[in-house]
């Protein structure tokens, strides 16, 4: 083979290698973002369950106009997307926190915090160090 052909082969191998590294990095970023979206969806689902509890009368195992007494459904303590907790339970609000299972190379994952009131749901996400 001529030197020009060897140079083209080497350049081709370098381009393929760099392309593979880019694809791997994009996959990692996409997996982390997809996990955040899934945790967000789970916390929104739990927010709906909490609002439903708030609206149900106490005689049929509801809150009767209060979030006090709300218990996280067993199937949501740990899911394929993450783990969930409830805190700051008062008569008029409750906080639902979800931590994603997907981690990047540095061990960071997403946390979604959802504050639920009788008429409003507000979510924020942050990266855990």
N, C-alpha and C. Protein backbone atom coordinates (compact mmCIF):
# COMPACT_ATOMS: atom_id res chain seq x y z
N UNK A 1 0.84 -1.19 0.00
CA UNK A 1 0.00 0.00 0.00
C UNK A 1 0.87 1.24 0.00
N UNK A 2 0.33 2.26 -0.62
CA UNK A 2 1.05 3.52 -0.64
C UNK A 2 0.83 4.29 0.65
N UNK A 3 1.68 5.27 0.86
CA UNK A 3 1.57 6.06 2.08
C UNK A 3 0.26 6.84 2.15
N UNK A 4 -0.24 7.25 1.01
CA UNK A 4 -1.50 7.99 0.98
C UNK A 4 -2.65 7.10 1.44
N UNK A 5 -2.65 5.84 1.02
CA UNK A 5 -3.71 4.91 1.42
C UNK A 5 -3.64 4.63 2.92
N UNK A 6 -2.44 4.46 3.47
CA UNK A 6 -2.29 4.22 4.91
C UNK A 6 -2.76 5.44 5.71
N UNK A 7 -2.46 6.61 5.21
CA UNK A 7 -2.91 7.84 5.88
C UNK A 7 -4.43 7.93 5.88
N UNK A 8 -5.06 7.58 4.77
CA UNK A 8 -6.52 7.60 4.70
C UNK A 8 -7.14 6.58 5.66
N UNK A 9 -6.53 5.42 5.78
CA UNK A 9 -7.04 4.40 6.71
C UNK A 9 -6.93 4.90 8.15
N UNK A 10 -5.80 5.49 8.49
CA UNK A 10 -5.61 6.00 9.86
C UNK A 10 -6.60 7.12 10.16
N UNK A 11 -6.77 8.04 9.23
CA UNK A 11 -7.74 9.13 9.42
C UNK A 11 -9.15 8.57 9.56
N UNK A 12 -9.49 7.56 8.77
CA UNK A 12 -10.81 6.92 8.87
C UNK A 12 -11.03 6.28 10.23
N UNK A 13 -10.01 5.60 10.76
CA UNK A 13 -10.11 4.96 12.08
C UNK A 13 -10.29 6.02 13.17
N UNK A 14 -9.56 7.12 13.05
CA UNK A 14 -9.69 8.20 14.05
C UNK A 14 -11.10 8.80 14.01
N UNK A 15 -11.63 9.02 12.83
CA UNK A 15 -12.98 9.58 12.70
C UNK A 15 -14.02 8.63 13.28
N UNK A 16 -13.91 7.34 13.01
CA UNK A 16 -14.85 6.36 13.56
C UNK A 16 -14.74 6.32 15.08
N UNK A 17 -13.53 6.35 15.61
CA UNK A 17 -13.33 6.34 17.07
C UNK A 17 -13.95 7.55 17.74
N UNK A 18 -13.74 8.73 17.16
CA UNK A 18 -14.34 9.94 17.72
C UNK A 18 -15.87 9.91 17.64
N UNK A 19 -16.38 9.37 16.56
CA UNK A 19 -17.84 9.25 16.42
C UNK A 19 -18.42 8.34 17.48
N UNK A 20 -17.73 7.23 17.78
CA UNK A 20 -18.21 6.31 18.81
C UNK A 20 -18.20 6.98 20.18
N UNK A 21 -17.17 7.74 20.49
CA UNK A 21 -17.12 8.45 21.76
C UNK A 21 -18.26 9.45 21.89
N UNK A 22 -18.57 10.15 20.81
CA UNK A 22 -19.67 11.11 20.81
C UNK A 22 -21.00 10.42 21.03
N UNK A 23 -21.21 9.30 20.37
CA UNK A 23 -22.46 8.55 20.52
C UNK A 23 -22.62 8.05 21.95
N UNK A 24 -21.55 7.55 22.55
CA UNK A 24 -21.62 7.06 23.93
C UNK A 24 -21.98 8.20 24.89
N UNK A 25 -21.35 9.36 24.71
CA UNK A 25 -21.64 10.51 25.56
C UNK A 25 -23.09 10.97 25.41
N UNK A 26 -23.58 11.01 24.18
CA UNK A 26 -24.97 11.41 23.94
C UNK A 26 -25.94 10.41 24.58
N UNK A 27 -25.61 9.13 24.53
CA UNK A 27 -26.46 8.12 25.15
C UNK A 27 -26.53 8.32 26.65
N UNK A 28 -25.39 8.59 27.30
CA UNK A 28 -25.38 8.81 28.74
C UNK A 28 -26.23 10.02 29.13
N UNK A 29 -26.07 11.11 28.40
CA UNK A 29 -26.84 12.33 28.69
C UNK A 29 -28.33 12.06 28.49
N UNK A 30 -28.68 11.37 27.41
CA UNK A 30 -30.07 11.07 27.13
C UNK A 30 -30.68 10.17 28.20
N UNK A 31 -29.93 9.19 28.67
CA UNK A 31 -30.43 8.28 29.71
C UNK A 31 -30.72 9.04 30.99
N UNK A 32 -29.84 9.97 31.36
CA UNK A 32 -30.04 10.76 32.58
C UNK A 32 -31.27 11.66 32.45
N UNK A 33 -31.42 12.29 31.29
CA UNK A 33 -32.58 13.17 31.06
C UNK A 33 -33.88 12.37 31.03
N UNK A 34 -33.85 11.19 30.42
CA UNK A 34 -35.05 10.34 30.37
C UNK A 34 -35.46 9.90 31.77
N UNK A 35 -34.46 9.60 32.61
CA UNK A 35 -34.76 9.22 33.99
C UNK A 35 -35.38 10.38 34.75
N UNK A 36 -34.86 11.59 34.54
CA UNK A 36 -35.44 12.77 35.19
C UNK A 36 -36.91 12.94 34.78
N UNK A 37 -37.19 12.77 33.50
CA UNK A 37 -38.56 12.91 33.01
C UNK A 37 -39.47 11.84 33.62
N UNK A 38 -38.95 10.62 33.77
CA UNK A 38 -39.74 9.55 34.37
C UNK A 38 -40.03 9.81 35.84
N UNK A 39 -39.03 10.31 36.58
CA UNK A 39 -39.24 10.66 37.99
C UNK A 39 -40.23 11.80 38.11
N UNK A 40 -40.12 12.78 37.21
CA UNK A 40 -41.08 13.89 37.18
C UNK A 40 -42.50 13.35 36.97
N UNK A 41 -42.67 12.43 36.02
CA UNK A 41 -44.00 11.85 35.76
C UNK A 41 -44.52 11.10 36.98
N UNK A 42 -43.65 10.37 37.66
CA UNK A 42 -44.06 9.64 38.86
C UNK A 42 -44.50 10.60 39.97
N UNK A 43 -43.75 11.70 40.17
CA UNK A 43 -44.14 12.64 41.22
C UNK A 43 -45.44 13.35 40.87
N UNK A 44 -45.66 13.60 39.59
CA UNK A 44 -46.94 14.21 39.19
C UNK A 44 -48.09 13.24 39.43
N UNK A 45 -47.87 11.96 39.17
CA UNK A 45 -48.88 10.94 39.44
C UNK A 45 -49.18 10.89 40.94
N UNK A 46 -48.13 10.91 41.76
CA UNK A 46 -48.32 10.90 43.21
C UNK A 46 -49.02 12.17 43.69
N UNK A 47 -48.74 13.29 43.03
CA UNK A 47 -49.42 14.54 43.39
C UNK A 47 -50.92 14.42 43.15
N UNK A 48 -51.30 13.78 42.05
CA UNK A 48 -52.72 13.54 41.78
C UNK A 48 -53.35 12.63 42.82
N UNK A 49 -52.60 11.61 43.25
CA UNK A 49 -53.10 10.70 44.30
C UNK A 49 -53.28 11.49 45.60
N UNK A 50 -52.34 12.37 45.92
CA UNK A 50 -52.44 13.17 47.15
C UNK A 50 -53.63 14.13 47.09
N UNK A 51 -53.84 14.76 45.94
CA UNK A 51 -54.99 15.66 45.81
C UNK A 51 -56.30 14.88 45.92
N UNK A 52 -56.31 13.68 45.37
CA UNK A 52 -57.52 12.84 45.48
C UNK A 52 -57.78 12.50 46.96
N UNK A 53 -56.72 12.14 47.69
CA UNK A 53 -56.84 11.85 49.12
C UNK A 53 -57.40 13.07 49.85
N UNK A 54 -56.90 14.26 49.52
CA UNK A 54 -57.35 15.51 50.15
C UNK A 54 -58.86 15.70 49.95
N UNK A 55 -59.35 15.40 48.78
CA UNK A 55 -60.76 15.65 48.44
C UNK A 55 -61.72 14.60 48.99
N UNK A 56 -61.22 13.38 49.25
CA UNK A 56 -62.12 12.33 49.75
C UNK A 56 -62.53 12.59 51.20
N UNK A 57 -63.78 12.31 51.52
CA UNK A 57 -64.21 12.44 52.92
C UNK A 57 -63.49 11.43 53.81
N UNK A 58 -63.36 11.75 55.09
CA UNK A 58 -62.68 10.87 56.03
C UNK A 58 -63.39 9.52 56.18
N UNK A 59 -64.72 9.51 56.00
CA UNK A 59 -65.47 8.25 56.17
C UNK A 59 -65.09 7.21 55.12
N UNK A 60 -64.54 7.63 54.01
CA UNK A 60 -64.11 6.66 53.00
C UNK A 60 -62.60 6.72 52.80
N UNK A 61 -61.89 6.85 53.93
CA UNK A 61 -60.43 6.80 53.99
C UNK A 61 -59.73 7.93 53.25
N UNK A 62 -60.33 9.09 53.26
CA UNK A 62 -59.70 10.26 52.65
C UNK A 62 -59.22 11.23 53.71
N UNK A 63 -58.77 12.36 53.25
CA UNK A 63 -58.25 13.36 54.17
C UNK A 63 -59.30 14.31 54.69
N UNK A 64 -60.44 14.37 54.02
CA UNK A 64 -61.50 15.27 54.45
C UNK A 64 -61.08 16.72 54.44
N UNK A 65 -60.37 17.15 53.40
CA UNK A 65 -59.92 18.53 53.30
C UNK A 65 -58.56 18.77 53.95
N UNK A 66 -57.78 17.70 54.11
CA UNK A 66 -56.45 17.83 54.72
C UNK A 66 -55.52 16.78 54.12
N UNK A 67 -54.23 17.13 54.01
CA UNK A 67 -53.24 16.15 53.56
C UNK A 67 -52.69 15.33 54.72
N UNK A 68 -52.97 15.75 55.95
CA UNK A 68 -52.48 15.03 57.12
C UNK A 68 -53.04 13.60 57.10
N UNK A 69 -52.16 12.64 57.26
CA UNK A 69 -52.55 11.24 57.22
C UNK A 69 -52.27 10.57 55.89
N UNK A 70 -51.84 11.36 54.89
CA UNK A 70 -51.52 10.77 53.58
C UNK A 70 -50.30 9.87 53.72
N UNK A 71 -50.42 8.68 53.17
CA UNK A 71 -49.33 7.70 53.18
C UNK A 71 -48.97 7.38 51.74
N UNK A 72 -47.68 7.39 51.47
CA UNK A 72 -47.18 7.07 50.14
C UNK A 72 -47.56 5.63 49.79
N UNK A 73 -48.22 5.41 48.63
CA UNK A 73 -48.56 4.03 48.25
C UNK A 73 -47.31 3.14 48.20
N UNK A 74 -47.43 1.93 48.67
CA UNK A 74 -46.31 0.99 48.79
C UNK A 74 -45.53 0.83 47.49
N UNK A 75 -46.23 0.77 46.36
CA UNK A 75 -45.55 0.54 45.08
C UNK A 75 -44.69 1.72 44.64
N UNK A 76 -44.77 2.86 45.33
CA UNK A 76 -43.99 4.02 44.95
C UNK A 76 -42.80 4.30 45.87
N UNK A 77 -42.59 3.47 46.88
CA UNK A 77 -41.41 3.69 47.72
C UNK A 77 -40.15 3.55 46.87
N UNK A 78 -40.15 2.55 45.99
CA UNK A 78 -39.03 2.28 45.10
C UNK A 78 -39.60 1.75 43.79
N UNK A 79 -39.27 2.41 42.68
CA UNK A 79 -39.73 1.96 41.37
C UNK A 79 -38.52 1.78 40.45
N UNK A 80 -38.76 1.41 39.23
CA UNK A 80 -37.68 1.29 38.27
C UNK A 80 -37.06 2.63 37.92
N UNK A 81 -37.78 3.72 38.20
CA UNK A 81 -37.29 5.06 37.89
C UNK A 81 -36.52 5.70 39.04
N UNK A 82 -36.93 5.41 40.29
CA UNK A 82 -36.28 6.03 41.43
C UNK A 82 -36.97 5.69 42.73
N UNK A 83 -36.62 6.43 43.77
CA UNK A 83 -37.24 6.24 45.08
C UNK A 83 -37.93 7.55 45.48
N UNK A 84 -39.01 7.42 46.27
CA UNK A 84 -39.88 8.56 46.56
C UNK A 84 -40.17 8.64 48.05
N UNK A 85 -40.29 9.87 48.53
CA UNK A 85 -40.65 10.13 49.92
C UNK A 85 -41.63 11.30 49.97
N UNK A 86 -42.39 11.36 51.05
CA UNK A 86 -43.26 12.51 51.30
C UNK A 86 -42.78 13.18 52.59
N UNK A 87 -42.89 14.50 52.62
CA UNK A 87 -42.47 15.25 53.80
C UNK A 87 -43.28 16.54 53.89
N UNK A 88 -43.05 17.29 54.94
CA UNK A 88 -43.73 18.57 55.15
C UNK A 88 -45.25 18.44 54.96
N UNK A 89 -45.82 17.43 55.58
CA UNK A 89 -47.26 17.21 55.45
C UNK A 89 -47.99 18.15 56.40
N UNK A 90 -48.80 19.04 55.82
CA UNK A 90 -49.64 19.92 56.61
C UNK A 90 -51.07 19.76 56.09
N UNK A 91 -51.99 20.48 56.69
CA UNK A 91 -53.38 20.38 56.24
C UNK A 91 -53.54 20.86 54.80
N UNK A 92 -52.73 21.84 54.39
CA UNK A 92 -52.92 22.44 53.06
C UNK A 92 -51.81 22.18 52.05
N UNK A 93 -50.79 21.43 52.42
CA UNK A 93 -49.73 21.13 51.44
C UNK A 93 -48.96 19.88 51.84
N UNK A 94 -48.27 19.34 50.84
CA UNK A 94 -47.44 18.16 51.04
C UNK A 94 -46.30 18.24 50.03
N UNK A 95 -45.13 17.75 50.40
CA UNK A 95 -43.98 17.76 49.50
C UNK A 95 -43.62 16.32 49.14
N UNK A 96 -43.52 16.05 47.86
CA UNK A 96 -43.14 14.73 47.35
C UNK A 96 -41.77 14.87 46.69
N UNK A 97 -40.83 14.03 47.09
CA UNK A 97 -39.48 14.08 46.55
C UNK A 97 -39.14 12.75 45.90
N UNK A 98 -38.65 12.81 44.67
CA UNK A 98 -38.21 11.62 43.95
C UNK A 98 -36.75 11.75 43.55
N UNK A 99 -35.99 10.69 43.76
CA UNK A 99 -34.58 10.67 43.38
C UNK A 99 -34.39 9.59 42.33
N UNK A 100 -33.86 9.98 41.17
CA UNK A 100 -33.68 9.05 40.06
C UNK A 100 -32.64 8.00 40.32
N UNK A 101 -32.79 6.85 39.64
CA UNK A 101 -31.84 5.75 39.77
C UNK A 101 -30.66 5.89 38.81
N UNK A 102 -30.83 6.66 37.75
CA UNK A 102 -29.78 6.80 36.74
C UNK A 102 -28.72 7.78 37.23
N UNK A 103 -27.46 7.40 37.11
CA UNK A 103 -26.34 8.25 37.53
C UNK A 103 -25.39 8.46 36.36
N UNK A 104 -24.76 9.62 36.34
CA UNK A 104 -23.73 9.84 35.32
C UNK A 104 -22.39 9.31 35.84
N UNK A 105 -21.32 9.53 35.09
CA UNK A 105 -20.01 9.00 35.48
C UNK A 105 -19.51 9.57 36.80
N UNK A 106 -19.97 10.76 37.15
CA UNK A 106 -19.54 11.40 38.39
C UNK A 106 -20.44 11.03 39.57
N UNK A 107 -21.43 10.18 39.34
CA UNK A 107 -22.33 9.76 40.41
C UNK A 107 -23.50 10.69 40.64
N UNK A 108 -23.68 11.67 39.78
CA UNK A 108 -24.78 12.63 39.94
C UNK A 108 -26.08 12.04 39.40
N UNK A 109 -27.18 12.37 40.06
CA UNK A 109 -28.50 11.98 39.59
C UNK A 109 -29.46 13.13 39.82
N UNK A 110 -30.66 13.00 39.26
CA UNK A 110 -31.65 14.06 39.40
C UNK A 110 -32.54 13.82 40.61
N UNK A 111 -32.96 14.92 41.23
CA UNK A 111 -33.97 14.90 42.28
C UNK A 111 -35.10 15.82 41.83
N UNK A 112 -36.33 15.34 41.93
CA UNK A 112 -37.50 16.14 41.58
C UNK A 112 -38.30 16.37 42.86
N UNK A 113 -38.56 17.63 43.16
CA UNK A 113 -39.35 18.00 44.35
C UNK A 113 -40.65 18.61 43.88
N UNK A 114 -41.75 18.04 44.36
CA UNK A 114 -43.09 18.49 43.96
C UNK A 114 -43.85 18.94 45.20
N UNK A 115 -44.30 20.17 45.17
CA UNK A 115 -45.12 20.71 46.26
C UNK A 115 -46.57 20.70 45.80
N UNK A 116 -47.41 20.06 46.59
CA UNK A 116 -48.81 19.86 46.22
C UNK A 116 -49.70 20.62 47.20
N UNK A 117 -50.63 21.39 46.66
CA UNK A 117 -51.68 22.04 47.45
C UNK A 117 -53.01 21.54 46.88
N UNK A 118 -54.12 21.89 47.50
CA UNK A 118 -55.41 21.41 46.99
C UNK A 118 -55.68 21.82 45.54
N UNK A 119 -55.13 22.93 45.10
CA UNK A 119 -55.46 23.42 43.75
C UNK A 119 -54.24 23.59 42.85
N UNK A 120 -53.04 23.26 43.34
CA UNK A 120 -51.84 23.54 42.57
C UNK A 120 -50.77 22.48 42.78
N UNK A 121 -50.02 22.20 41.71
CA UNK A 121 -48.88 21.29 41.76
C UNK A 121 -47.69 22.03 41.17
N UNK A 122 -46.58 22.11 41.92
CA UNK A 122 -45.39 22.81 41.44
C UNK A 122 -44.19 21.89 41.61
N UNK A 123 -43.47 21.64 40.51
CA UNK A 123 -42.30 20.76 40.54
C UNK A 123 -41.04 21.50 40.14
N UNK A 124 -39.94 21.11 40.79
CA UNK A 124 -38.61 21.60 40.41
C UNK A 124 -37.67 20.41 40.39
N UNK A 125 -36.65 20.48 39.54
CA UNK A 125 -35.66 19.41 39.52
C UNK A 125 -34.28 20.01 39.76
N UNK A 126 -33.42 19.21 40.37
CA UNK A 126 -32.06 19.63 40.63
C UNK A 126 -31.14 18.42 40.52
N UNK A 127 -29.87 18.67 40.34
CA UNK A 127 -28.90 17.60 40.25
C UNK A 127 -28.29 17.39 41.63
N UNK A 128 -28.30 16.14 42.07
CA UNK A 128 -27.68 15.80 43.35
C UNK A 128 -26.20 15.57 43.15
N UNK A 129 -25.39 16.07 44.02
CA UNK A 129 -23.94 15.89 43.92
C UNK A 129 -23.50 14.56 44.48
